[in-house]
């Protein structure tokens, strides 16, 4: 089965459509894709790495506690990704994130998709 991207490229060729998207628009779509994939990145990083990240960028560390969980959580990293608008700084931010220490358990992953395409739903994996 052809991917959606391939089908749309074929459509554009068939109708001689050339992209008139601006670099800003293309970057915006790229950023959205990254935010979709890394939406839970703070859960994947060690607390020490989040602190180091905040020190590097000179941002105030913010930690939240949950009524149901004794662990503290952070949105420091994802928030920085969301507010960055310069594409070069955004790419550097990604480099910094991937240089940080990740947690060694699988509980930080986004919920997996299961089922067939028509009945697909998200299933949360347990970290136990």
C-alpha atoms as a PDB file:
ATOM      1  CA  UNK A   1       0.000   0.000   0.000  1.00  0.00           C
ATOM      2  CA  UNK A   2       1.314   3.430  -0.948  1.00  0.00           C
ATOM      3  CA  UNK A   3       1.843   6.021   1.756  1.00  0.00           C
ATOM      4  CA  UNK A   4      -0.282   9.137   1.874  1.00  0.00           C
ATOM      5  CA  UNK A   5       2.779  11.236   1.040  1.00  0.00           C
ATOM      6  CA  UNK A   6       3.487   9.144  -2.087  1.00  0.00           C
ATOM      7  CA  UNK A   7      -0.134   9.370  -3.220  1.00  0.00           C
ATOM      8  CA  UNK A   8      -0.141  13.148  -2.819  1.00  0.00           C
ATOM      9  CA  UNK A   9       3.160  13.478  -4.725  1.00  0.00           C
ATOM     10  CA  UNK A  10       1.664  11.449  -7.572  1.00  0.00           C
ATOM     11  CA  UNK A  11      -1.444  13.640  -7.537  1.00  0.00           C
ATOM     12  CA  UNK A  12       0.706  16.782  -7.717  1.00  0.00           C
ATOM     13  CA  UNK A  13       2.711  15.360 -10.663  1.00  0.00           C
ATOM     14  CA  UNK A  14      -0.442  14.264 -12.485  1.00  0.00           C
ATOM     15  CA  UNK A  15      -1.936  17.766 -12.224  1.00  0.00           C
ATOM     16  CA  UNK A  16       1.414  19.601 -12.613  1.00  0.00           C
ATOM     17  CA  UNK A  17       1.072  21.214  -9.212  1.00  0.00           C
ATOM     18  CA  UNK A  18       4.171  22.818  -7.779  1.00  0.00           C
ATOM     19  CA  UNK A  19       4.454  23.665  -4.131  1.00  0.00           C
ATOM     20  CA  UNK A  20       4.206  27.330  -3.286  1.00  0.00           C
ATOM     21  CA  UNK A  21       4.650  26.768   0.419  1.00  0.00           C
ATOM     22  CA  UNK A  22       6.936  29.169   2.177  1.00  0.00           C
ATOM     23  CA  UNK A  23       9.923  28.007   4.199  1.00  0.00           C
ATOM     24  CA  UNK A  24       8.055  29.288   7.264  1.00  0.00           C
ATOM     25  CA  UNK A  25       5.058  27.086   6.484  1.00  0.00           C
ATOM     26  CA  UNK A  26       7.235  24.032   5.865  1.00  0.00           C
ATOM     27  CA  UNK A  27       9.081  24.625   9.155  1.00  0.00           C
ATOM     28  CA  UNK A  28       5.732  24.994  10.957  1.00  0.00           C
ATOM     29  CA  UNK A  29       4.625  21.574   9.720  1.00  0.00           C
ATOM     30  CA  UNK A  30       7.969  20.039  10.664  1.00  0.00           C
ATOM     31  CA  UNK A  31       7.743  21.551  14.143  1.00  0.00           C
ATOM     32  CA  UNK A  32       4.213  20.186  14.571  1.00  0.00           C
ATOM     33  CA  UNK A  33       5.416  16.701  13.632  1.00  0.00           C
ATOM     34  CA  UNK A  34       8.268  16.929  16.147  1.00  0.00           C
ATOM     35  CA  UNK A  35       5.895  18.119  18.879  1.00  0.00           C
ATOM     36  CA  UNK A  36       3.554  15.216  18.100  1.00  0.00           C
ATOM     37  CA  UNK A  37       6.395  12.706  18.423  1.00  0.00           C
ATOM     38  CA  UNK A  38       8.124  14.286  21.429  1.00  0.00           C
ATOM     39  CA  UNK A  39       5.007  15.329  23.321  1.00  0.00           C
ATOM     40  CA  UNK A  40       6.065  13.256  26.347  1.00  0.00           C
ATOM     41  CA  UNK A  41       9.798  13.949  26.165  1.00  0.00           C
ATOM     42  CA  UNK A  42      10.063  15.233  29.736  1.00  0.00           C
ATOM     43  CA  UNK A  43       8.907  11.839  31.029  1.00  0.00           C
ATOM     44  CA  UNK A  44      11.746  10.217  29.084  1.00  0.00           C
ATOM     45  CA  UNK A  45      14.506  12.354  30.587  1.00  0.00           C
ATOM     46  CA  UNK A  46      16.146  11.962  33.968  1.00  0.00           C
ATOM     47  CA  UNK A  47      15.409  14.735  36.491  1.00  0.00           C
ATOM     48  CA  UNK A  48      19.113  15.615  36.437  1.00  0.00           C
ATOM     49  CA  UNK A  49      18.991  16.048  32.668  1.00  0.00           C
ATOM     50  CA  UNK A  50      15.958  18.301  32.909  1.00  0.00           C
ATOM     51  CA  UNK A  51      17.778  20.420  35.492  1.00  0.00           C
ATOM     52  CA  UNK A  52      20.845  20.564  33.257  1.00  0.00           C
ATOM     53  CA  UNK A  53      18.649  21.551  30.308  1.00  0.00           C
ATOM     54  CA  UNK A  54      17.044  24.367  32.293  1.00  0.00           C
ATOM     55  CA  UNK A  55      20.457  25.628  33.412  1.00  0.00           C
ATOM     56  CA  UNK A  56      21.786  25.525  29.845  1.00  0.00           C
ATOM     57  CA  UNK A  57      18.850  27.571  28.517  1.00  0.00           C
ATOM     58  CA  UNK A  58      18.594  29.801  31.572  1.00  0.00           C
ATOM     59  CA  UNK A  59      14.967  28.933  32.248  1.00  0.00           C
ATOM     60  CA  UNK A  60      13.339  28.446  35.622  1.00  0.00           C
ATOM     61  CA  UNK A  61      12.760  24.814  36.534  1.00  0.00           C
ATOM     62  CA  UNK A  62       9.109  24.024  37.123  1.00  0.00           C
ATOM     63  CA  UNK A  63       8.097  20.730  38.694  1.00  0.00           C
ATOM     64  CA  UNK A  64       4.531  19.582  39.215  1.00  0.00           C
ATOM     65  CA  UNK A  65       3.305  16.945  41.593  1.00  0.00           C
ATOM     66  CA  UNK A  66       0.305  14.769  41.004  1.00  0.00           C
ATOM     67  CA  UNK A  67      -2.390  13.791  43.469  1.00  0.00           C
ATOM     68  CA  UNK A  68      -2.145  10.198  42.210  1.00  0.00           C
ATOM     69  CA  UNK A  69       1.620   9.948  41.815  1.00  0.00           C
ATOM     70  CA  UNK A  70       4.376  10.699  44.303  1.00  0.00           C
ATOM     71  CA  UNK A  71       6.795  11.473  41.470  1.00  0.00           C
ATOM     72  CA  UNK A  72       7.249  15.029  40.222  1.00  0.00           C
ATOM     73  CA  UNK A  73       6.780  15.760  36.553  1.00  0.00           C
ATOM     74  CA  UNK A  74       8.074  18.447  34.269  1.00  0.00           C
ATOM     75  CA  UNK A  75       7.084  20.151  31.053  1.00  0.00           C
ATOM     76  CA  UNK A  76      10.226  22.268  30.914  1.00  0.00           C
ATOM     77  CA  UNK A  77      11.632  20.661  27.766  1.00  0.00           C
ATOM     78  CA  UNK A  78       8.430  20.348  25.737  1.00  0.00           C
ATOM     79  CA  UNK A  79       7.483  23.920  26.648  1.00  0.00           C
ATOM     80  CA  UNK A  80      10.820  25.156  25.301  1.00  0.00           C
ATOM     81  CA  UNK A  81      10.221  23.242  22.062  1.00  0.00           C
ATOM     82  CA  UNK A  82       6.760  24.764  21.753  1.00  0.00           C
ATOM     83  CA  UNK A  83       7.877  28.377  22.190  1.00  0.00           C
ATOM     84  CA  UNK A  84      10.934  28.260  19.890  1.00  0.00           C
ATOM     85  CA  UNK A  85      10.155  29.939  16.562  1.00  0.00           C
ATOM     86  CA  UNK A  86      13.585  30.233  14.933  1.00  0.00           C
ATOM     87  CA  UNK A  87      14.293  27.128  12.850  1.00  0.00           C
ATOM     88  CA  UNK A  88      18.050  27.049  13.519  1.00  0.00           C
ATOM     89  CA  UNK A  89      17.519  27.434  17.273  1.00  0.00           C
ATOM     90  CA  UNK A  90      14.843  24.723  17.076  1.00  0.00           C
ATOM     91  CA  UNK A  91      17.300  22.302  15.428  1.00  0.00           C
ATOM     92  CA  UNK A  92      19.915  23.125  18.065  1.00  0.00           C
ATOM     93  CA  UNK A  93      17.310  22.509  20.757  1.00  0.00           C
ATOM     94  CA  UNK A  94      16.713  19.036  19.310  1.00  0.00           C
ATOM     95  CA  UNK A  95      20.465  18.349  19.371  1.00  0.00           C
ATOM     96  CA  UNK A  96      20.612  19.386  23.033  1.00  0.00           C
ATOM     97  CA  UNK A  97      17.633  17.181  23.930  1.00  0.00           C
ATOM     98  CA  UNK A  98      19.151  14.107  22.295  1.00  0.00           C
ATOM     99  CA  UNK A  99      22.426  14.732  24.147  1.00  0.00           C
ATOM    100  CA  UNK A 100      20.632  14.442  27.506  1.00  0.00           C
ATOM    101  CA  UNK A 101      20.341  11.248  29.567  1.00  0.00           C
ATOM    102  CA  UNK A 102      17.178   9.277  28.955  1.00  0.00           C
ATOM    103  CA  UNK A 103      15.431   7.153  31.542  1.00  0.00           C
ATOM    104  CA  UNK A 104      16.077   3.444  31.152  1.00  0.00           C
ATOM    105  CA  UNK A 105      12.475   2.229  31.377  1.00  0.00           C
ATOM    106  CA  UNK A 106       9.846   2.047  28.677  1.00  0.00           C
ATOM    107  CA  UNK A 107       7.183   3.945  30.595  1.00  0.00           C
ATOM    108  CA  UNK A 108       8.092   7.177  28.874  1.00  0.00           C
ATOM    109  CA  UNK A 109       6.854   6.104  25.456  1.00  0.00           C
ATOM    110  CA  UNK A 110       3.743   7.428  23.830  1.00  0.00           C
ATOM    111  CA  UNK A 111       0.847   4.953  23.987  1.00  0.00           C
ATOM    112  CA  UNK A 112       1.047   2.323  21.258  1.00  0.00           C
ATOM    113  CA  UNK A 113      -1.583   2.017  18.564  1.00  0.00           C
ATOM    114  CA  UNK A 114      -3.294  -1.343  18.351  1.00  0.00           C
ATOM    115  CA  UNK A 115      -5.988  -2.891  16.215  1.00  0.00           C
ATOM    116  CA  UNK A 116      -6.746  -2.538  12.540  1.00  0.00           C
ATOM    117  CA  UNK A 117      -6.747   0.877  10.867  1.00  0.00           C
ATOM    118  CA  UNK A 118     -10.546   1.110  11.209  1.00  0.00           C
ATOM    119  CA  UNK A 119     -10.666   0.023  14.855  1.00  0.00           C
ATOM    120  CA  UNK A 120      -7.380   1.466  16.026  1.00  0.00           C
ATOM    121  CA  UNK A 121      -7.168   2.756  19.583  1.00  0.00           C
ATOM    122  CA  UNK A 122      -4.417   3.732  21.997  1.00  0.00           C
ATOM    123  CA  UNK A 123      -3.216   1.352  24.677  1.00  0.00           C
ATOM    124  CA  UNK A 124      -1.025   2.597  27.502  1.00  0.00           C
ATOM    125  CA  UNK A 125       1.891   0.334  28.347  1.00  0.00           C
ATOM    126  CA  UNK A 126       2.517  -0.262  32.015  1.00  0.00           C
ATOM    127  CA  UNK A 127       5.947   0.647  33.365  1.00  0.00           C
ATOM    128  CA  UNK A 128       5.807  -2.288  35.775  1.00  0.00           C
END
